[in-house]
């Protein structure tokens, strides 16, 4: 074991995720949590839940978070980083408030948060910060002193996040028939969000068409495509595409949709496609249904050879990246000079979300930001 690594002033790490049902009886209550306050009838939720029922009512995300927890704990232990790791979800057990209550009972006062979202957006960052503020307020209402919460910066361009995806694309290309492999296009896929949300993602100075959300995904796409070209000697055309759209049809969302893109690529004579789900840390329901089921069926209908590359998941390189991010942020908090690890032109993102970053439609308190009431 190496010499002990110093995470001071932090005394715990919290893995914060979305959550998902773990059986058929969980599906509708889970969706009620996700859509709370929107007045969606239960019968409509049952319709929406069909994606989950196709897989036995089980979302893979919880097991994948358990695997990531194991990978993080193994990496930390092997490298001498003595930092306990907890796990809490936004929409299903283990619930965030319960986990924070447990952390307070265990005596933790400075908590660092790893969210399972690598990019800037309301739903991928600000909403998690609002969830944290709600849970801290709940602890205060119970007479508990809430811990101080900080959130790790966005890690979309950390090499430990990128390298597993680069390898995944190369492996998927190798699985294609040899006669179509070199002509294959790469579709880098992420969750569609309303245009208005994308335009206001990230700090205010970057607001505009697509905002930080689109810029960061384009950067990751370019970095992966460049690495694939360097390592295979083949320059594969690529495009950023979107999936998993929901909401009212009259509201503009980011396009093109992955299935529309497959149709367009096929019509233009592209011989094969690799779909790389860069917007997702692991193979959860949006990947299993929207890509492995719907997009796969569309490709088969078109007679278009298609492979879907792996997400990062519990890859040891990602666990090492989280360790690096923890030590980086701890050093910053101790006042030390740090050179952040980030590839590409965008560089490392902010450590503390500024005012106006990824704003909500209706303003709510949010933790781990310049304007947090829990500094």
Protein backbone atom coordinates (compact mmCIF):
# COMPACT_ATOMS: atom_id res chain seq x y z
CA UNK A 1 0.00 0.00 0.00
CA UNK A 2 1.18 3.50 -0.80
CA UNK A 3 1.59 6.20 1.82
CA UNK A 4 -1.77 7.44 3.08
CA UNK A 5 -3.38 10.09 0.90
CA UNK A 6 -4.85 13.21 2.47
CA UNK A 7 -8.51 14.08 1.88
CA UNK A 8 -8.55 16.70 4.65
CA UNK A 9 -10.80 18.64 5.31
CA UNK A 10 -13.28 16.04 4.02
CA UNK A 11 -14.29 13.12 6.20
CA UNK A 12 -16.69 11.29 3.83
CA UNK A 13 -17.68 10.92 0.18
CA UNK A 14 -21.33 10.67 -0.91
CA UNK A 15 -22.24 8.94 -4.18
CA UNK A 16 -25.40 10.74 -5.29
CA UNK A 17 -27.56 9.20 -8.00
CA UNK A 18 -31.01 9.09 -9.56
CA UNK A 19 -32.29 5.79 -8.19
CA UNK A 20 -34.55 3.23 -9.82
CA UNK A 21 -37.13 0.54 -9.07
CA UNK A 22 -35.97 -2.90 -7.98
CA UNK A 23 -39.17 -4.85 -8.70
CA UNK A 24 -42.56 -4.51 -10.43
CA UNK A 25 -44.27 -3.13 -7.33
CA UNK A 26 -41.69 -0.33 -7.16
CA UNK A 27 -42.24 1.05 -10.66
CA UNK A 28 -45.26 3.33 -10.17
CA UNK A 29 -44.15 4.64 -6.72
CA UNK A 30 -40.73 5.35 -8.22
CA UNK A 31 -42.28 7.27 -11.12
CA UNK A 32 -44.48 9.16 -8.66
CA UNK A 33 -41.29 10.29 -6.95
CA UNK A 34 -39.73 11.32 -10.26
CA UNK A 35 -42.79 13.31 -11.37
CA UNK A 36 -43.83 14.66 -7.97
CA UNK A 37 -45.73 17.94 -8.25
CA UNK A 38 -46.66 17.53 -11.93
CA UNK A 39 -50.11 16.02 -11.35
CA UNK A 40 -49.60 13.04 -13.67
CA UNK A 41 -52.35 10.39 -13.20
CA UNK A 42 -51.33 6.94 -11.96
CA UNK A 43 -52.69 5.28 -15.10
CA UNK A 44 -50.36 7.40 -17.22
CA UNK A 45 -47.45 6.42 -14.98
CA UNK A 46 -48.28 2.76 -15.57
CA UNK A 47 -48.02 3.40 -19.31
CA UNK A 48 -44.69 5.16 -18.90
CA UNK A 49 -43.51 2.32 -16.68
CA UNK A 50 -43.76 -0.23 -19.49
CA UNK A 51 -40.08 0.32 -20.20
CA UNK A 52 -39.32 -0.96 -16.71
CA UNK A 53 -41.87 -3.78 -16.83
CA UNK A 54 -40.12 -5.14 -19.95
CA UNK A 55 -37.11 -5.73 -17.70
CA UNK A 56 -39.01 -7.25 -14.77
CA UNK A 57 -39.67 -3.88 -13.15
CA UNK A 58 -35.98 -3.55 -12.31
CA UNK A 59 -33.77 -0.64 -13.27
CA UNK A 60 -30.11 -1.68 -13.52
CA UNK A 61 -28.91 1.61 -12.04
CA UNK A 62 -28.93 0.52 -8.39
CA UNK A 63 -26.83 -2.59 -9.01
CA UNK A 64 -24.48 -0.50 -11.11
CA UNK A 65 -24.11 2.00 -8.28
CA UNK A 66 -23.36 -0.89 -5.92
CA UNK A 67 -20.66 -2.03 -8.32
CA UNK A 68 -19.26 1.50 -8.53
CA UNK A 69 -19.23 1.74 -4.74
CA UNK A 70 -17.23 -1.49 -4.57
CA UNK A 71 -14.79 -0.20 -7.20
CA UNK A 72 -14.33 3.11 -5.37
CA UNK A 73 -13.80 1.45 -2.00
CA UNK A 74 -11.29 -0.98 -3.52
CA UNK A 75 -9.37 1.82 -5.23
CA UNK A 76 -9.33 4.02 -2.13
CA UNK A 77 -8.15 1.15 0.08
CA UNK A 78 -5.42 0.08 -2.33
CA UNK A 79 -4.06 3.63 -2.53
CA UNK A 80 -4.27 4.48 1.15
CA UNK A 81 -7.14 6.96 0.93
CA UNK A 82 -9.04 6.63 4.20
CA UNK A 83 -12.38 8.14 3.26
CA UNK A 84 -15.68 6.33 3.93
CA UNK A 85 -18.12 6.27 1.02
CA UNK A 86 -21.91 6.46 1.32
CA UNK A 87 -24.66 6.25 -1.29
CA UNK A 88 -27.93 8.15 -1.58
CA UNK A 89 -30.53 8.58 -4.34
CA UNK A 90 -32.86 11.33 -5.51
CA UNK A 91 -35.88 9.12 -6.26
CA UNK A 92 -35.52 5.70 -4.59
CA UNK A 93 -33.91 3.90 -1.69
CA UNK A 94 -31.41 4.52 -0.31
CA UNK A 95 -32.94 8.01 -0.17
CA UNK A 96 -30.63 11.00 0.09
CA UNK A 97 -32.11 12.36 3.33
CA UNK A 98 -31.79 8.97 5.04
CA UNK A 99 -28.17 8.67 3.94
CA UNK A 100 -27.27 12.16 5.13
CA UNK A 101 -28.97 11.41 8.46
CA UNK A 102 -26.80 8.30 8.75
CA UNK A 103 -23.69 10.31 7.94
CA UNK A 104 -24.51 12.85 10.65
CA UNK A 105 -25.07 10.01 13.14
CA UNK A 106 -21.65 8.64 12.17
CA UNK A 107 -20.08 12.01 12.99
CA UNK A 108 -19.28 13.34 9.52
CA UNK A 109 -19.07 17.12 9.20
CA UNK A 110 -17.43 17.79 5.79
CA UNK A 111 -18.92 15.79 2.94
CA UNK A 112 -17.81 15.70 -0.67
CA UNK A 113 -20.41 14.66 -3.26
CA UNK A 114 -19.91 12.67 -6.47
CA UNK A 115 -23.01 12.92 -8.69
CA UNK A 116 -23.49 10.29 -11.38
CA UNK A 117 -23.74 13.00 -14.04
CA UNK A 118 -20.60 14.26 -15.76
CA UNK A 119 -22.03 17.35 -17.46
CA UNK A 120 -23.58 20.71 -16.68
CA UNK A 121 -27.39 20.98 -16.85
CA UNK A 122 -30.31 21.65 -14.56
CA UNK A 123 -31.28 17.97 -14.19
CA UNK A 124 -27.66 16.78 -14.10
CA UNK A 125 -26.29 19.28 -11.58
CA UNK A 126 -28.52 22.05 -10.22
CA UNK A 127 -31.39 19.67 -9.38
CA UNK A 128 -29.04 17.44 -7.38
CA UNK A 129 -27.89 20.55 -5.52
CA UNK A 130 -31.54 21.42 -4.79
CA UNK A 131 -32.10 17.87 -3.53
CA UNK A 132 -29.12 18.28 -1.21
CA UNK A 133 -30.51 21.57 0.13
CA UNK A 134 -33.93 19.97 0.73
CA UNK A 135 -32.32 17.11 2.66
CA UNK A 136 -30.15 19.44 4.73
CA UNK A 137 -33.26 21.49 5.58
CA UNK A 138 -35.02 18.27 6.63
CA UNK A 139 -32.15 17.42 8.97
CA UNK A 140 -32.28 20.91 10.46
CA UNK A 141 -36.03 20.51 11.03
CA UNK A 142 -35.26 17.35 12.98
CA UNK A 143 -32.90 19.30 15.24
CA UNK A 144 -29.73 17.90 13.64
CA UNK A 145 -26.77 20.02 12.62
CA UNK A 146 -26.31 19.46 8.87
CA UNK A 147 -22.82 18.77 7.53
CA UNK A 148 -21.09 21.12 5.12
CA UNK A 149 -21.53 19.82 1.57
CA UNK A 150 -19.26 20.36 -1.43
CA UNK A 151 -19.71 18.81 -4.86
CA UNK A 152 -16.97 17.50 -7.13
CA UNK A 153 -16.55 19.42 -10.38
CA UNK A 154 -17.87 18.10 -13.70
CA UNK A 155 -15.60 15.31 -14.89
CA UNK A 156 -16.65 14.90 -18.54
CA UNK A 157 -13.12 15.63 -19.79
CA UNK A 158 -11.12 13.77 -17.15
CA UNK A 159 -8.99 11.07 -18.83
CA UNK A 160 -10.29 8.45 -16.41
CA UNK A 161 -13.80 9.08 -17.73
CA UNK A 162 -12.76 9.33 -21.39
CA UNK A 163 -10.39 6.36 -21.70
CA UNK A 164 -12.98 3.63 -21.00
CA UNK A 165 -15.28 5.18 -23.61
CA UNK A 166 -12.48 5.39 -26.18
CA UNK A 167 -11.72 1.70 -25.65
CA UNK A 168 -15.43 0.91 -25.87
CA UNK A 169 -15.80 2.60 -29.27
CA UNK A 170 -12.71 0.84 -30.63
CA UNK A 171 -14.02 -2.51 -29.37
CA UNK A 172 -17.42 -1.90 -30.98
CA UNK A 173 -15.83 -0.97 -34.29
CA UNK A 174 -13.85 -4.21 -34.16
CA UNK A 175 -17.11 -6.17 -33.75
CA UNK A 176 -18.53 -4.83 -37.03
CA UNK A 177 -18.13 -6.89 -40.20
CA UNK A 178 -14.78 -6.10 -41.77
CA UNK A 179 -16.30 -4.91 -45.06
CA UNK A 180 -18.22 -2.08 -43.33
CA UNK A 181 -15.91 -1.32 -40.40
CA UNK A 182 -13.78 1.45 -41.87
CA UNK A 183 -16.81 3.26 -43.26
CA UNK A 184 -18.74 3.19 -40.00
CA UNK A 185 -20.03 6.43 -38.52
CA UNK A 186 -20.06 7.13 -34.78
CA UNK A 187 -23.23 8.47 -33.14
CA UNK A 188 -22.37 10.00 -29.77
CA UNK A 189 -25.61 9.86 -27.80
CA UNK A 190 -26.83 11.69 -24.73
CA UNK A 191 -30.11 12.52 -23.01
CA UNK A 192 -32.15 15.13 -24.84
CA UNK A 193 -33.27 18.09 -22.75
CA UNK A 194 -35.42 21.13 -23.61
CA UNK A 195 -33.58 23.66 -25.75
CA UNK A 196 -34.26 26.31 -23.13
CA UNK A 197 -32.57 24.21 -20.45
CA UNK A 198 -29.57 23.56 -22.67
CA UNK A 199 -29.23 27.23 -23.55
CA UNK A 200 -28.96 28.21 -19.86
CA UNK A 201 -26.72 25.32 -18.77
CA UNK A 202 -23.44 26.19 -17.11
CA UNK A 203 -22.25 29.62 -15.95
CA UNK A 204 -24.11 32.70 -17.19
CA UNK A 205 -21.27 33.88 -19.42
CA UNK A 206 -21.63 30.69 -21.48
CA UNK A 207 -25.40 30.87 -21.91
CA UNK A 208 -26.60 30.83 -25.50
CA UNK A 209 -27.44 28.21 -28.10
CA UNK A 210 -26.80 24.82 -26.51
CA UNK A 211 -24.99 26.29 -23.51
CA UNK A 212 -22.41 24.27 -21.61
CA UNK A 213 -24.43 21.07 -22.00
CA UNK A 214 -23.98 20.87 -25.76
CA UNK A 215 -20.46 22.33 -25.71
CA UNK A 216 -19.24 19.74 -23.21
CA UNK A 217 -20.79 16.84 -25.14
CA UNK A 218 -19.30 18.09 -28.40
CA UNK A 219 -15.91 18.30 -26.71
CA UNK A 220 -16.15 14.73 -25.44
CA UNK A 221 -17.27 13.53 -28.87
CA UNK A 222 -14.31 15.23 -30.53
CA UNK A 223 -11.81 13.92 -27.97
CA UNK A 224 -13.04 10.35 -28.40
CA UNK A 225 -13.18 10.56 -32.20
CA UNK A 226 -9.65 12.01 -32.33
CA UNK A 227 -8.33 9.25 -30.06
CA UNK A 228 -10.04 6.57 -32.15
CA UNK A 229 -8.44 7.99 -35.31
CA UNK A 230 -5.00 8.09 -33.68
CA UNK A 231 -5.23 4.51 -32.41
CA UNK A 232 -6.90 2.85 -35.41
CA UNK A 233 -5.65 4.96 -38.29
CA UNK A 234 -9.23 5.45 -39.52
CA UNK A 235 -11.05 8.79 -39.44
CA UNK A 236 -14.68 7.92 -38.66
CA UNK A 237 -17.29 10.65 -39.29
CA UNK A 238 -19.32 11.41 -36.18
CA UNK A 239 -22.30 13.38 -34.89
CA UNK A 240 -23.76 14.24 -31.50
CA UNK A 241 -27.32 12.87 -31.25
CA UNK A 242 -29.98 12.71 -28.57
CA UNK A 243 -32.36 10.20 -27.02
CA UNK A 244 -34.96 9.66 -24.28
CA UNK A 245 -37.01 12.75 -25.06
CA UNK A 246 -40.07 13.25 -22.85
CA UNK A 247 -42.49 16.07 -22.15
CA UNK A 248 -44.97 18.04 -24.23
CA UNK A 249 -44.42 17.74 -28.00
CA UNK A 250 -44.78 21.50 -28.58
CA UNK A 251 -41.69 22.26 -26.45
CA UNK A 252 -38.46 22.17 -28.50
CA UNK A 253 -35.91 19.59 -27.31
CA UNK A 254 -32.40 18.91 -28.55
CA UNK A 255 -32.25 16.99 -31.83
CA UNK A 256 -31.65 14.82 -33.85
CA UNK A 257 -33.18 11.81 -32.15
CA UNK A 258 -31.05 8.68 -32.40
CA UNK A 259 -33.62 6.71 -34.43
CA UNK A 260 -34.13 9.60 -36.85
CA UNK A 261 -30.36 9.81 -37.17
CA UNK A 262 -30.09 6.10 -38.02
CA UNK A 263 -32.69 6.56 -40.77
CA UNK A 264 -30.85 9.57 -42.17
CA UNK A 265 -27.46 7.82 -42.05
CA UNK A 266 -28.86 4.76 -43.79
CA UNK A 267 -30.53 6.88 -46.50
CA UNK A 268 -27.20 8.64 -47.16
CA UNK A 269 -25.44 5.31 -47.73
CA UNK A 270 -23.54 4.93 -44.47
CA UNK A 271 -22.60 1.22 -44.19
CA UNK A 272 -22.62 0.90 -40.36
CA UNK A 273 -22.96 2.87 -37.12
CA UNK A 274 -21.48 2.65 -33.64
CA UNK A 275 -23.60 4.29 -30.94
CA UNK A 276 -21.53 5.64 -28.05
CA UNK A 277 -23.72 6.66 -25.06
CA UNK A 278 -21.36 9.33 -23.74
CA UNK A 279 -24.07 11.07 -21.69
CA UNK A 280 -24.50 8.15 -19.29
CA UNK A 281 -22.12 6.95 -16.60
CA UNK A 282 -23.58 3.43 -16.68
CA UNK A 283 -25.95 1.20 -18.68
CA UNK A 284 -29.18 2.23 -16.99
CA UNK A 285 -32.70 2.17 -18.40
CA UNK A 286 -32.25 4.87 -21.04
CA UNK A 287 -29.40 2.82 -22.47
CA UNK A 288 -31.08 -0.59 -22.18
CA UNK A 289 -34.39 0.52 -23.66
CA UNK A 290 -33.77 3.53 -25.89
CA UNK A 291 -30.56 2.17 -27.42
CA UNK A 292 -30.38 -1.60 -26.89
CA UNK A 293 -34.09 -2.06 -27.65
CA UNK A 294 -35.51 0.81 -29.75
CA UNK A 295 -32.40 1.91 -31.66
CA UNK A 296 -31.35 -1.69 -32.19
CA UNK A 297 -34.79 -2.51 -33.64
CA UNK A 298 -34.59 0.52 -35.93
CA UNK A 299 -31.15 -0.52 -37.19
CA UNK A 300 -32.37 -4.07 -37.82
CA UNK A 301 -35.42 -2.71 -39.67
CA UNK A 302 -33.10 -0.68 -41.90
CA UNK A 303 -30.61 -3.50 -42.37
CA UNK A 304 -27.94 -1.20 -40.92
CA UNK A 305 -25.12 -2.92 -38.99
CA UNK A 306 -24.99 -1.27 -35.57
CA UNK A 307 -23.05 -1.77 -32.35
CA UNK A 308 -23.49 0.02 -29.04
CA UNK A 309 -20.30 0.74 -27.10
CA UNK A 310 -19.91 0.37 -23.35
CA UNK A 311 -20.45 3.09 -20.77
CA UNK A 312 -17.84 3.79 -18.10
CA UNK A 313 -19.62 1.95 -15.27
CA UNK A 314 -17.27 0.64 -12.59
CA UNK A 315 -14.14 0.71 -14.74
CA UNK A 316 -11.05 0.96 -12.48
CA UNK A 317 -9.85 3.99 -14.44
CA UNK A 318 -13.01 5.85 -13.49
CA UNK A 319 -12.58 4.88 -9.84
CA UNK A 320 -9.02 6.23 -10.04
CA UNK A 321 -10.37 9.43 -11.61
CA UNK A 322 -12.75 9.92 -8.68
CA UNK A 323 -9.83 9.48 -6.28
CA UNK A 324 -7.90 12.09 -8.26
CA UNK A 325 -10.86 14.49 -8.16
CA UNK A 326 -11.27 14.02 -4.40
CA UNK A 327 -7.59 14.74 -3.73
CA UNK A 328 -7.65 17.70 -6.12
CA UNK A 329 -10.63 19.31 -4.37
CA UNK A 330 -9.23 18.58 -0.91
CA UNK A 331 -5.98 20.28 -1.82
CA UNK A 332 -7.89 23.31 -3.14
CA UNK A 333 -9.81 23.53 0.15
CA UNK A 334 -6.51 23.44 2.06
CA UNK A 335 -5.28 26.40 0.00
CA UNK A 336 -2.72 24.45 -2.02
CA UNK A 337 -1.91 25.16 -5.66
CA UNK A 338 -3.39 22.48 -7.90
CA UNK A 339 -3.13 21.65 -11.60
CA UNK A 340 -6.47 20.01 -12.45
CA UNK A 341 -6.46 17.00 -14.74
CA UNK A 342 -8.60 17.71 -17.81
CA UNK A 343 -8.21 17.06 -21.53
CA UNK A 344 -9.24 19.27 -24.44
CA UNK A 345 -9.90 22.94 -24.98
CA UNK A 346 -12.56 23.53 -22.30
CA UNK A 347 -10.27 22.75 -19.36
CA UNK A 348 -11.36 21.94 -15.84
CA UNK A 349 -14.70 23.32 -14.72
CA UNK A 350 -15.51 25.34 -11.63
CA UNK A 351 -15.39 23.78 -8.16
CA UNK A 352 -18.27 25.88 -6.82
CA UNK A 353 -21.32 26.58 -8.97
CA UNK A 354 -21.68 30.33 -9.55
CA UNK A 355 -24.89 32.32 -9.27
CA UNK A 356 -27.10 31.77 -12.32
CA UNK A 357 -25.55 28.42 -13.23
CA UNK A 358 -28.14 26.01 -14.72
CA UNK A 359 -31.10 28.00 -13.30
CA UNK A 360 -34.38 26.39 -12.33
CA UNK A 361 -37.72 27.53 -13.73
CA UNK A 362 -38.78 28.35 -10.17
CA UNK A 363 -35.87 29.40 -7.94
CA UNK A 364 -35.11 27.00 -5.07
CA UNK A 365 -32.29 26.89 -2.53
CA UNK A 366 -29.36 24.77 -3.70
CA UNK A 367 -26.39 23.43 -1.76
CA UNK A 368 -22.75 23.49 -2.90
CA UNK A 369 -22.95 26.80 -4.72
CA UNK A 370 -21.87 30.41 -4.25
CA UNK A 371 -25.41 31.26 -3.17
CA UNK A 372 -25.94 28.19 -0.98
CA UNK A 373 -27.65 28.77 2.37
CA UNK A 374 -25.52 25.90 3.74
CA UNK A 375 -22.00 27.28 3.19
